[in-house]
């Protein structure tokens, strides 16, 4: 029977011993997966579109039912092409009076073009962003469920940033990308706002989960990287939080925070897709029309959710 179970598991997911046998915390991955699906159901969440407005309203409603305080930051951004787009950050605060705080960040917008799609004719089409956008939202709303039932030992700020994926170039000065994180880093909730540490959670639901350490994070806040990966190891998740660096640095929403002196790291799975012969994703669904619900996993959300919640409960 054990051999049969492993054979079935191998056929379905690649390796039966890679799956968590049970949740390690009160985080509910089924709820997180459902919340992710509800975000995807709004369609592409591109700033200035009806889908984005509805999805943002949904996030606000969900977090007001869970957090102590919800703050919205709204502003207009003028793009390199001269367009004016509306943007919205959403900050859900738990125990807002606490001076010791942890900042979690995720982006909720989606890319307006599938510029990495293998089909050339698809590259101007907006993506649904099940992993790249919706999974972080699902994670945070489910974290809100857990924190409402059992408050953390520290104040917690769950920040949903907009406009991460809007522009074409991720090179400095980040003209049309990382817009929400840049805005928040320049306009924090108070002039003296300084969380103990912060974590950006991005693309964290890949069905084949492999999270390596991001070099810019390791250089800017090595103690935070150690804290996160050690917590994953304590929970038995070293197969997924691999203590090895990506071969190149990643420009993501943690960068504007680092540049402002915040100790924020990036937790993300860049190899989004089934592993090829060299161990990297082949094909990679990042920024393609294949970034859909069938390529993400509640089991991966459970792993990441366990780590994220356990960190908060430890303070």
C-alpha atoms as a PDB file:
ATOM      1  CA  UNK A   1       0.000   0.000   0.000  1.00  0.00           C
ATOM      2  CA  UNK A   2       2.833   2.425   0.865  1.00  0.00           C
ATOM      3  CA  UNK A   3       4.504   1.682  -2.479  1.00  0.00           C
ATOM      4  CA  UNK A   4       1.232   2.302  -4.291  1.00  0.00           C
ATOM      5  CA  UNK A   5       0.680   5.630  -2.484  1.00  0.00           C
ATOM      6  CA  UNK A   6       4.163   6.792  -3.345  1.00  0.00           C
ATOM      7  CA  UNK A   7       3.719   5.751  -6.959  1.00  0.00           C
ATOM      8  CA  UNK A   8       0.510   7.763  -7.193  1.00  0.00           C
ATOM      9  CA  UNK A   9       2.155  10.714  -5.483  1.00  0.00           C
ATOM     10  CA  UNK A  10       5.113  10.584  -7.816  1.00  0.00           C
ATOM     11  CA  UNK A  11       2.846  10.567 -10.814  1.00  0.00           C
ATOM     12  CA  UNK A  12       0.903  13.560  -9.541  1.00  0.00           C
ATOM     13  CA  UNK A  13       3.491  15.840  -8.003  1.00  0.00           C
ATOM     14  CA  UNK A  14       6.947  14.475  -8.656  1.00  0.00           C
ATOM     15  CA  UNK A  15       7.941  13.224  -5.187  1.00  0.00           C
ATOM     16  CA  UNK A  16       5.629  12.073  -2.425  1.00  0.00           C
ATOM     17  CA  UNK A  17       8.109  12.923   0.326  1.00  0.00           C
ATOM     18  CA  UNK A  18       8.061  16.568  -0.775  1.00  0.00           C
ATOM     19  CA  UNK A  19       4.517  17.170   0.411  1.00  0.00           C
ATOM     20  CA  UNK A  20       3.726  18.363   3.938  1.00  0.00           C
ATOM     21  CA  UNK A  21       1.821  15.632   5.768  1.00  0.00           C
ATOM     22  CA  UNK A  22      -0.203  18.162   7.749  1.00  0.00           C
ATOM     23  CA  UNK A  23      -0.336  21.905   8.516  1.00  0.00           C
ATOM     24  CA  UNK A  24       2.253  23.025  11.045  1.00  0.00           C
ATOM     25  CA  UNK A  25       0.284  26.120  12.140  1.00  0.00           C
ATOM     26  CA  UNK A  26      -3.269  27.459  12.186  1.00  0.00           C
ATOM     27  CA  UNK A  27      -2.856  28.754   8.638  1.00  0.00           C
ATOM     28  CA  UNK A  28      -5.613  27.399   6.367  1.00  0.00           C
ATOM     29  CA  UNK A  29      -4.322  26.793   2.850  1.00  0.00           C
ATOM     30  CA  UNK A  30      -7.726  25.807   1.483  1.00  0.00           C
ATOM     31  CA  UNK A  31      -8.989  29.268   2.406  1.00  0.00           C
ATOM     32  CA  UNK A  32      -5.875  30.886   0.922  1.00  0.00           C
ATOM     33  CA  UNK A  33      -6.396  28.964  -2.318  1.00  0.00           C
ATOM     34  CA  UNK A  34     -10.046  30.051  -2.423  1.00  0.00           C
ATOM     35  CA  UNK A  35      -9.092  33.702  -1.864  1.00  0.00           C
ATOM     36  CA  UNK A  36      -6.514  33.395  -4.649  1.00  0.00           C
ATOM     37  CA  UNK A  37      -9.161  32.015  -6.980  1.00  0.00           C
ATOM     38  CA  UNK A  38     -11.489  34.892  -6.116  1.00  0.00           C
ATOM     39  CA  UNK A  39      -8.793  37.407  -7.092  1.00  0.00           C
ATOM     40  CA  UNK A  40      -8.198  35.634 -10.414  1.00  0.00           C
ATOM     41  CA  UNK A  41     -11.955  35.712 -11.073  1.00  0.00           C
ATOM     42  CA  UNK A  42     -11.762  39.509 -11.355  1.00  0.00           C
ATOM     43  CA  UNK A  43      -9.609  39.025 -14.453  1.00  0.00           C
ATOM     44  CA  UNK A  44      -6.381  40.987 -15.040  1.00  0.00           C
ATOM     45  CA  UNK A  45      -5.864  43.551 -12.243  1.00  0.00           C
ATOM     46  CA  UNK A  46      -4.133  46.262 -14.255  1.00  0.00           C
ATOM     47  CA  UNK A  47      -4.127  49.735 -12.675  1.00  0.00           C
ATOM     48  CA  UNK A  48      -6.936  51.878 -14.052  1.00  0.00           C
ATOM     49  CA  UNK A  49      -9.128  48.988 -15.211  1.00  0.00           C
ATOM     50  CA  UNK A  50     -12.517  47.870 -13.816  1.00  0.00           C
ATOM     51  CA  UNK A  51     -10.968  44.550 -12.808  1.00  0.00           C
ATOM     52  CA  UNK A  52      -8.398  46.312 -10.647  1.00  0.00           C
ATOM     53  CA  UNK A  53     -11.001  48.544  -9.019  1.00  0.00           C
ATOM     54  CA  UNK A  54     -13.200  45.565  -8.120  1.00  0.00           C
ATOM     55  CA  UNK A  55     -10.281  43.495  -6.881  1.00  0.00           C
ATOM     56  CA  UNK A  56      -8.993  46.360  -4.740  1.00  0.00           C
ATOM     57  CA  UNK A  57     -12.431  46.939  -3.249  1.00  0.00           C
ATOM     58  CA  UNK A  58     -12.607  43.230  -2.433  1.00  0.00           C
ATOM     59  CA  UNK A  59      -9.245  43.320  -0.634  1.00  0.00           C
ATOM     60  CA  UNK A  60     -10.356  46.326   1.426  1.00  0.00           C
ATOM     61  CA  UNK A  61     -13.616  44.620   2.368  1.00  0.00           C
ATOM     62  CA  UNK A  62     -11.896  41.378   3.329  1.00  0.00           C
ATOM     63  CA  UNK A  63      -9.242  43.061   5.423  1.00  0.00           C
ATOM     64  CA  UNK A  64     -11.677  45.377   7.210  1.00  0.00           C
ATOM     65  CA  UNK A  65     -13.405  42.225   8.435  1.00  0.00           C
ATOM     66  CA  UNK A  66     -10.113  40.918   9.841  1.00  0.00           C
ATOM     67  CA  UNK A  67      -7.659  43.685  10.733  1.00  0.00           C
ATOM     68  CA  UNK A  68      -7.908  46.383  13.396  1.00  0.00           C
ATOM     69  CA  UNK A  69      -7.256  49.179  10.911  1.00  0.00           C
ATOM     70  CA  UNK A  70      -7.195  49.407   7.119  1.00  0.00           C
ATOM     71  CA  UNK A  71      -5.525  52.375   5.432  1.00  0.00           C
ATOM     72  CA  UNK A  72      -5.706  53.131   1.714  1.00  0.00           C
ATOM     73  CA  UNK A  73      -3.126  55.182  -0.136  1.00  0.00           C
ATOM     74  CA  UNK A  74      -4.434  56.514  -3.464  1.00  0.00           C
ATOM     75  CA  UNK A  75      -2.475  58.560  -5.957  1.00  0.00           C
ATOM     76  CA  UNK A  76      -1.980  59.127  -9.680  1.00  0.00           C
ATOM     77  CA  UNK A  77       1.146  58.140 -11.575  1.00  0.00           C
ATOM     78  CA  UNK A  78       2.245  59.639 -14.882  1.00  0.00           C
ATOM     79  CA  UNK A  79       3.857  56.971 -17.051  1.00  0.00           C
ATOM     80  CA  UNK A  80       6.743  57.343 -19.462  1.00  0.00           C
ATOM     81  CA  UNK A  81       4.168  57.399 -22.264  1.00  0.00           C
ATOM     82  CA  UNK A  82       2.364  60.315 -20.621  1.00  0.00           C
ATOM     83  CA  UNK A  83      -0.654  58.384 -19.339  1.00  0.00           C
ATOM     84  CA  UNK A  84      -2.080  59.036 -15.877  1.00  0.00           C
ATOM     85  CA  UNK A  85      -2.998  55.857 -14.011  1.00  0.00           C
ATOM     86  CA  UNK A  86      -4.715  55.546 -10.604  1.00  0.00           C
ATOM     87  CA  UNK A  87      -2.902  53.451  -8.014  1.00  0.00           C
ATOM     88  CA  UNK A  88      -3.878  52.134  -4.599  1.00  0.00           C
ATOM     89  CA  UNK A  89      -1.920  50.616  -1.740  1.00  0.00           C
ATOM     90  CA  UNK A  90      -3.855  48.845   1.022  1.00  0.00           C
ATOM     91  CA  UNK A  91      -2.362  48.542   4.512  1.00  0.00           C
ATOM     92  CA  UNK A  92      -4.062  46.184   6.974  1.00  0.00           C
ATOM     93  CA  UNK A  93      -2.811  46.718  10.542  1.00  0.00           C
ATOM     94  CA  UNK A  94      -3.084  44.335  13.470  1.00  0.00           C
ATOM     95  CA  UNK A  95      -2.455  45.836  16.927  1.00  0.00           C
ATOM     96  CA  UNK A  96      -1.642  49.230  15.417  1.00  0.00           C
ATOM     97  CA  UNK A  97      -0.539  50.691  18.783  1.00  0.00           C
ATOM     98  CA  UNK A  98       2.337  48.218  19.144  1.00  0.00           C
ATOM     99  CA  UNK A  99       5.749  49.791  18.664  1.00  0.00           C
ATOM    100  CA  UNK A 100       7.421  46.491  17.745  1.00  0.00           C
ATOM    101  CA  UNK A 101       6.114  45.702  14.256  1.00  0.00           C
ATOM    102  CA  UNK A 102       6.686  43.303  11.381  1.00  0.00           C
ATOM    103  CA  UNK A 103       5.944  44.370   7.810  1.00  0.00           C
ATOM    104  CA  UNK A 104       4.759  41.872   5.211  1.00  0.00           C
ATOM    105  CA  UNK A 105       4.468  43.046   1.595  1.00  0.00           C
ATOM    106  CA  UNK A 106       2.837  41.566  -1.497  1.00  0.00           C
ATOM    107  CA  UNK A 107       1.706  43.097  -4.790  1.00  0.00           C
ATOM    108  CA  UNK A 108      -1.871  42.711  -5.984  1.00  0.00           C
ATOM    109  CA  UNK A 109      -1.677  44.086  -9.542  1.00  0.00           C
ATOM    110  CA  UNK A 110      -1.007  41.978 -12.642  1.00  0.00           C
ATOM    111  CA  UNK A 111       1.190  42.499 -15.675  1.00  0.00           C
ATOM    112  CA  UNK A 112      -0.535  44.181 -18.634  1.00  0.00           C
ATOM    113  CA  UNK A 113       1.356  42.063 -21.168  1.00  0.00           C
ATOM    114  CA  UNK A 114       2.434  38.409 -21.359  1.00  0.00           C
ATOM    115  CA  UNK A 115       5.843  39.441 -22.628  1.00  0.00           C
ATOM    116  CA  UNK A 116       7.467  36.064 -21.860  1.00  0.00           C
ATOM    117  CA  UNK A 117       4.790  33.931 -23.484  1.00  0.00           C
ATOM    118  CA  UNK A 118       6.219  31.364 -25.917  1.00  0.00           C
ATOM    119  CA  UNK A 119       3.552  32.322 -28.467  1.00  0.00           C
ATOM    120  CA  UNK A 120       4.558  35.651 -29.990  1.00  0.00           C
ATOM    121  CA  UNK A 121       0.963  36.589 -30.735  1.00  0.00           C
ATOM    122  CA  UNK A 122       0.097  36.372 -27.022  1.00  0.00           C
ATOM    123  CA  UNK A 123       2.714  38.797 -25.784  1.00  0.00           C
ATOM    124  CA  UNK A 124       0.469  41.849 -25.828  1.00  0.00           C
ATOM    125  CA  UNK A 125      -2.271  40.096 -23.843  1.00  0.00           C
ATOM    126  CA  UNK A 126      -2.727  40.769 -20.095  1.00  0.00           C
ATOM    127  CA  UNK A 127      -2.029  37.856 -17.751  1.00  0.00           C
ATOM    128  CA  UNK A 128      -4.363  36.473 -15.078  1.00  0.00           C
ATOM    129  CA  UNK A 129      -1.556  36.277 -12.535  1.00  0.00           C
ATOM    130  CA  UNK A 130      -2.680  33.368 -10.368  1.00  0.00           C
ATOM    131  CA  UNK A 131       0.815  33.082  -8.911  1.00  0.00           C
ATOM    132  CA  UNK A 132       2.205  36.505  -9.806  1.00  0.00           C
ATOM    133  CA  UNK A 133      -0.242  38.700  -7.922  1.00  0.00           C
ATOM    134  CA  UNK A 134      -3.158  36.626  -6.654  1.00  0.00           C
ATOM    135  CA  UNK A 135      -1.246  34.099  -4.543  1.00  0.00           C
ATOM    136  CA  UNK A 136       0.188  36.792  -2.289  1.00  0.00           C
ATOM    137  CA  UNK A 137      -3.286  38.231  -1.790  1.00  0.00           C
ATOM    138  CA  UNK A 138      -4.618  34.794  -0.900  1.00  0.00           C
ATOM    139  CA  UNK A 139      -1.770  34.310   1.553  1.00  0.00           C
ATOM    140  CA  UNK A 140      -2.406  37.649   3.275  1.00  0.00           C
ATOM    141  CA  UNK A 141      -6.175  37.290   3.610  1.00  0.00           C
ATOM    142  CA  UNK A 142      -5.684  33.826   5.125  1.00  0.00           C
ATOM    143  CA  UNK A 143      -3.042  35.259   7.467  1.00  0.00           C
ATOM    144  CA  UNK A 144      -5.697  37.787   8.462  1.00  0.00           C
ATOM    145  CA  UNK A 145      -8.031  34.914   9.362  1.00  0.00           C
ATOM    146  CA  UNK A 146      -5.401  33.409  11.658  1.00  0.00           C
ATOM    147  CA  UNK A 147      -4.354  36.716  13.239  1.00  0.00           C
ATOM    148  CA  UNK A 148      -7.942  37.656  14.023  1.00  0.00           C
ATOM    149  CA  UNK A 149      -8.364  34.420  15.985  1.00  0.00           C
ATOM    150  CA  UNK A 150      -4.950  34.482  17.661  1.00  0.00           C
ATOM    151  CA  UNK A 151      -3.114  37.818  17.740  1.00  0.00           C
ATOM    152  CA  UNK A 152       0.642  37.808  17.156  1.00  0.00           C
ATOM    153  CA  UNK A 153       3.207  38.813  19.751  1.00  0.00           C
ATOM    154  CA  UNK A 154       4.061  41.897  17.688  1.00  0.00           C
ATOM    155  CA  UNK A 155       2.173  44.447  15.667  1.00  0.00           C
ATOM    156  CA  UNK A 156       1.673  43.231  12.113  1.00  0.00           C
ATOM    157  CA  UNK A 157       1.318  45.276   8.939  1.00  0.00           C
ATOM    158  CA  UNK A 158       0.102  43.470   5.820  1.00  0.00           C
ATOM    159  CA  UNK A 159       0.788  45.760   2.874  1.00  0.00           C
ATOM    160  CA  UNK A 160      -0.778  45.132  -0.547  1.00  0.00           C
ATOM    161  CA  UNK A 161       1.116  47.280  -3.053  1.00  0.00           C
ATOM    162  CA  UNK A 162      -0.076  48.293  -6.504  1.00  0.00           C
ATOM    163  CA  UNK A 163       1.783  48.874  -9.760  1.00  0.00           C
ATOM    164  CA  UNK A 164       4.648  46.436  -9.264  1.00  0.00           C
ATOM    165  CA  UNK A 165       4.337  44.920 -12.719  1.00  0.00           C
ATOM    166  CA  UNK A 166       3.046  47.790 -14.866  1.00  0.00           C
ATOM    167  CA  UNK A 167       6.033  48.946 -16.908  1.00  0.00           C
ATOM    168  CA  UNK A 168       8.416  47.338 -19.353  1.00  0.00           C
ATOM    169  CA  UNK A 169      11.800  47.896 -17.697  1.00  0.00           C
ATOM    170  CA  UNK A 170      12.864  46.833 -14.206  1.00  0.00           C
ATOM    171  CA  UNK A 171      16.078  48.823 -14.425  1.00  0.00           C
ATOM    172  CA  UNK A 172      16.672  51.986 -12.340  1.00  0.00           C
ATOM    173  CA  UNK A 173      15.063  54.454 -11.904  1.00  0.00           C
ATOM    174  CA  UNK A 174      12.063  52.033 -11.931  1.00  0.00           C
ATOM    175  CA  UNK A 175       9.961  54.553 -13.837  1.00  0.00           C
ATOM    176  CA  UNK A 176       6.794  52.476 -14.307  1.00  0.00           C
ATOM    177  CA  UNK A 177       7.417  49.482 -12.011  1.00  0.00           C
ATOM    178  CA  UNK A 178       7.581  48.942  -8.243  1.00  0.00           C
ATOM    179  CA  UNK A 179       5.238  51.924  -8.000  1.00  0.00           C
ATOM    180  CA  UNK A 180       3.364  50.994  -4.834  1.00  0.00           C
ATOM    181  CA  UNK A 181       6.453  49.993  -2.889  1.00  0.00           C
ATOM    182  CA  UNK A 182       8.227  53.193  -3.921  1.00  0.00           C
ATOM    183  CA  UNK A 183       5.231  55.240  -2.819  1.00  0.00           C
ATOM    184  CA  UNK A 184       4.908  53.536   0.560  1.00  0.00           C
ATOM    185  CA  UNK A 185       8.654  53.687   1.263  1.00  0.00           C
ATOM    186  CA  UNK A 186       8.454  57.452   0.660  1.00  0.00           C
ATOM    187  CA  UNK A 187       5.123  57.859   2.492  1.00  0.00           C
ATOM    188  CA  UNK A 188       5.077  55.495   5.502  1.00  0.00           C
ATOM    189  CA  UNK A 189       2.150  55.549   7.972  1.00  0.00           C
ATOM    190  CA  UNK A 190       4.194  57.738  10.343  1.00  0.00           C
ATOM    191  CA  UNK A 191       7.498  59.606  10.038  1.00  0.00           C
ATOM    192  CA  UNK A 192       9.137  57.305  12.595  1.00  0.00           C
ATOM    193  CA  UNK A 193       7.814  54.077  11.059  1.00  0.00           C
ATOM    194  CA  UNK A 194      10.522  51.441  11.362  1.00  0.00           C
ATOM    195  CA  UNK A 195       9.469  47.790  11.513  1.00  0.00           C
ATOM    196  CA  UNK A 196      11.782  45.249  13.124  1.00  0.00           C
ATOM    197  CA  UNK A 197      12.025  43.575   9.757  1.00  0.00           C
ATOM    198  CA  UNK A 198       9.988  43.006   6.629  1.00  0.00           C
ATOM    199  CA  UNK A 199       9.346  40.233   4.133  1.00  0.00           C
ATOM    200  CA  UNK A 200       8.086  40.524   0.578  1.00  0.00           C
ATOM    201  CA  UNK A 201       6.086  37.439  -0.449  1.00  0.00           C
ATOM    202  CA  UNK A 202       5.891  37.100  -4.237  1.00  0.00           C
ATOM    203  CA  UNK A 203       5.059  34.139  -6.486  1.00  0.00           C
ATOM    204  CA  UNK A 204       4.756  31.723  -3.573  1.00  0.00           C
ATOM    205  CA  UNK A 205       2.210  29.146  -4.799  1.00  0.00           C
ATOM    206  CA  UNK A 206       4.051  27.325  -7.592  1.00  0.00           C
ATOM    207  CA  UNK A 207       2.959  23.676  -7.547  1.00  0.00           C
ATOM    208  CA  UNK A 208       6.665  22.757  -7.706  1.00  0.00           C
ATOM    209  CA  UNK A 209       7.859  24.982  -4.879  1.00  0.00           C
ATOM    210  CA  UNK A 210      11.560  25.858  -4.701  1.00  0.00           C
ATOM    211  CA  UNK A 211      12.453  29.085  -2.904  1.00  0.00           C
ATOM    212  CA  UNK A 212      16.089  30.128  -2.938  1.00  0.00           C
ATOM    213  CA  UNK A 213      17.710  33.098  -1.216  1.00  0.00           C
ATOM    214  CA  UNK A 214      17.710  36.361  -3.163  1.00  0.00           C
ATOM    215  CA  UNK A 215      21.158  38.066  -3.341  1.00  0.00           C
ATOM    216  CA  UNK A 216      20.030  41.667  -2.750  1.00  0.00           C
ATOM    217  CA  UNK A 217      18.186  40.472   0.343  1.00  0.00           C
ATOM    218  CA  UNK A 218      21.243  38.601   1.582  1.00  0.00           C
ATOM    219  CA  UNK A 219      23.402  41.688   1.163  1.00  0.00           C
ATOM    220  CA  UNK A 220      20.957  44.145   2.760  1.00  0.00           C
ATOM    221  CA  UNK A 221      19.441  42.099   5.588  1.00  0.00           C
ATOM    222  CA  UNK A 222      21.249  38.759   6.060  1.00  0.00           C
ATOM    223  CA  UNK A 223      19.835  38.314   9.556  1.00  0.00           C
ATOM    224  CA  UNK A 224      16.278  38.435   8.176  1.00  0.00           C
ATOM    225  CA  UNK A 225      17.120  35.846   5.529  1.00  0.00           C
ATOM    226  CA  UNK A 226      18.564  33.628   8.265  1.00  0.00           C
ATOM    227  CA  UNK A 227      15.470  34.125  10.426  1.00  0.00           C
ATOM    228  CA  UNK A 228      13.085  33.085   7.654  1.00  0.00           C
ATOM    229  CA  UNK A 229      15.068  30.107   6.382  1.00  0.00           C
ATOM    230  CA  UNK A 230      15.734  28.875   9.926  1.00  0.00           C
ATOM    231  CA  UNK A 231      12.029  29.012  10.702  1.00  0.00           C
ATOM    232  CA  UNK A 232      11.327  27.006   7.545  1.00  0.00           C
ATOM    233  CA  UNK A 233      13.928  24.455   8.627  1.00  0.00           C
ATOM    234  CA  UNK A 234      12.404  24.253  12.110  1.00  0.00           C
ATOM    235  CA  UNK A 235       9.079  23.407  10.491  1.00  0.00           C
ATOM    236  CA  UNK A 236      10.656  20.718   8.310  1.00  0.00           C
ATOM    237  CA  UNK A 237      10.450  22.724   5.089  1.00  0.00           C
ATOM    238  CA  UNK A 238      14.099  22.853   4.026  1.00  0.00           C
ATOM    239  CA  UNK A 239      13.220  21.045   0.794  1.00  0.00           C
ATOM    240  CA  UNK A 240      11.205  24.119  -0.218  1.00  0.00           C
ATOM    241  CA  UNK A 241      13.149  26.959   1.439  1.00  0.00           C
ATOM    242  CA  UNK A 242      16.528  25.975   0.041  1.00  0.00           C
ATOM    243  CA  UNK A 243      19.549  27.589   1.776  1.00  0.00           C
ATOM    244  CA  UNK A 244      21.242  28.459  -1.507  1.00  0.00           C
ATOM    245  CA  UNK A 245      21.385  31.743  -3.395  1.00  0.00           C
ATOM    246  CA  UNK A 246      19.838  32.470  -6.763  1.00  0.00           C
ATOM    247  CA  UNK A 247      22.616  32.958  -9.335  1.00  0.00           C
ATOM    248  CA  UNK A 248      21.511  36.553  -9.927  1.00  0.00           C
ATOM    249  CA  UNK A 249      19.906  39.381  -7.967  1.00  0.00           C
ATOM    250  CA  UNK A 250      16.214  40.123  -8.392  1.00  0.00           C
ATOM    251  CA  UNK A 251      14.622  43.551  -8.762  1.00  0.00           C
ATOM    252  CA  UNK A 252      11.352  43.350  -6.857  1.00  0.00           C
ATOM    253  CA  UNK A 253       9.262  45.337  -4.382  1.00  0.00           C
ATOM    254  CA  UNK A 254      11.838  44.902  -1.615  1.00  0.00           C
ATOM    255  CA  UNK A 255      14.321  47.148  -3.429  1.00  0.00           C
ATOM    256  CA  UNK A 256      12.640  50.538  -2.700  1.00  0.00           C
ATOM    257  CA  UNK A 257      12.436  49.548   0.965  1.00  0.00           C
ATOM    258  CA  UNK A 258      16.085  48.553   1.100  1.00  0.00           C
ATOM    259  CA  UNK A 259      17.047  51.856  -0.514  1.00  0.00           C
ATOM    260  CA  UNK A 260      15.198  53.678   2.290  1.00  0.00           C
ATOM    261  CA  UNK A 261      16.947  51.700   5.008  1.00  0.00           C
ATOM    262  CA  UNK A 262      14.210  49.162   5.760  1.00  0.00           C
ATOM    263  CA  UNK A 263      15.397  45.618   6.459  1.00  0.00           C
ATOM    264  CA  UNK A 264      13.104  43.911   3.966  1.00  0.00           C
ATOM    265  CA  UNK A 265      13.891  40.716   2.069  1.00  0.00           C
ATOM    266  CA  UNK A 266      12.303  38.968  -0.898  1.00  0.00           C
ATOM    267  CA  UNK A 267      10.801  35.484  -0.635  1.00  0.00           C
ATOM    268  CA  UNK A 268       9.890  34.256  -4.124  1.00  0.00           C
ATOM    269  CA  UNK A 269      10.018  31.192  -6.346  1.00  0.00           C
ATOM    270  CA  UNK A 270      11.478  32.292  -9.673  1.00  0.00           C
ATOM    271  CA  UNK A 271      11.388  28.847 -11.290  1.00  0.00           C
ATOM    272  CA  UNK A 272       7.636  28.809 -11.851  1.00  0.00           C
ATOM    273  CA  UNK A 273       6.729  25.580 -13.582  1.00  0.00           C
ATOM    274  CA  UNK A 274       7.665  21.890 -13.744  1.00  0.00           C
ATOM    275  CA  UNK A 275      11.395  21.189 -13.421  1.00  0.00           C
ATOM    276  CA  UNK A 276      13.356  20.427 -16.566  1.00  0.00           C
ATOM    277  CA  UNK A 277      16.531  18.327 -16.918  1.00  0.00           C
ATOM    278  CA  UNK A 278      18.704  21.093 -15.452  1.00  0.00           C
ATOM    279  CA  UNK A 279      16.442  21.519 -12.427  1.00  0.00           C
ATOM    280  CA  UNK A 280      15.040  24.866 -13.534  1.00  0.00           C
ATOM    281  CA  UNK A 281      11.434  25.349 -14.584  1.00  0.00           C
ATOM    282  CA  UNK A 282      10.749  24.231 -18.129  1.00  0.00           C
ATOM    283  CA  UNK A 283       8.563  25.821 -19.311  1.00  0.00           C
ATOM    284  CA  UNK A 284       8.510  28.852 -17.016  1.00  0.00           C
ATOM    285  CA  UNK A 285       5.017  30.310 -16.616  1.00  0.00           C
ATOM    286  CA  UNK A 286       6.228  33.671 -15.294  1.00  0.00           C
ATOM    287  CA  UNK A 287       4.742  36.549 -17.325  1.00  0.00           C
ATOM    288  CA  UNK A 288       2.862  34.178 -19.617  1.00  0.00           C
ATOM    289  CA  UNK A 289      -0.781  33.310 -20.198  1.00  0.00           C
ATOM    290  CA  UNK A 290      -0.075  30.033 -18.383  1.00  0.00           C
ATOM    291  CA  UNK A 291       0.027  31.782 -15.001  1.00  0.00           C
ATOM    292  CA  UNK A 292      -3.317  30.221 -14.083  1.00  0.00           C
ATOM    293  CA  UNK A 293      -4.914  28.347 -11.192  1.00  0.00           C
ATOM    294  CA  UNK A 294      -4.023  24.867 -12.444  1.00  0.00           C
ATOM    295  CA  UNK A 295      -0.321  25.671 -12.061  1.00  0.00           C
ATOM    296  CA  UNK A 296      -0.459  26.666  -8.402  1.00  0.00           C
ATOM    297  CA  UNK A 297      -1.048  24.537  -5.328  1.00  0.00           C
ATOM    298  CA  UNK A 298      -2.797  24.784  -1.951  1.00  0.00           C
ATOM    299  CA  UNK A 299       0.020  22.612  -0.584  1.00  0.00           C
ATOM    300  CA  UNK A 300       2.558  25.260  -1.549  1.00  0.00           C
ATOM    301  CA  UNK A 301       0.401  27.927   0.083  1.00  0.00           C
ATOM    302  CA  UNK A 302       0.332  25.792   3.232  1.00  0.00           C
ATOM    303  CA  UNK A 303       4.121  25.598   3.349  1.00  0.00           C
ATOM    304  CA  UNK A 304       4.618  29.328   2.853  1.00  0.00           C
ATOM    305  CA  UNK A 305       1.672  30.205   5.107  1.00  0.00           C
ATOM    306  CA  UNK A 306       3.060  28.047   7.914  1.00  0.00           C
ATOM    307  CA  UNK A 307       6.410  29.842   7.710  1.00  0.00           C
ATOM    308  CA  UNK A 308       4.839  33.310   7.471  1.00  0.00           C
ATOM    309  CA  UNK A 309       2.503  32.740  10.426  1.00  0.00           C
ATOM    310  CA  UNK A 310       5.076  31.016  12.607  1.00  0.00           C
ATOM    311  CA  UNK A 311       7.436  33.981  12.189  1.00  0.00           C
ATOM    312  CA  UNK A 312       4.733  36.350  13.412  1.00  0.00           C
ATOM    313  CA  UNK A 313       3.831  34.190  16.389  1.00  0.00           C
ATOM    314  CA  UNK A 314       7.458  34.111  17.456  1.00  0.00           C
ATOM    315  CA  UNK A 315       7.703  37.888  17.226  1.00  0.00           C
END
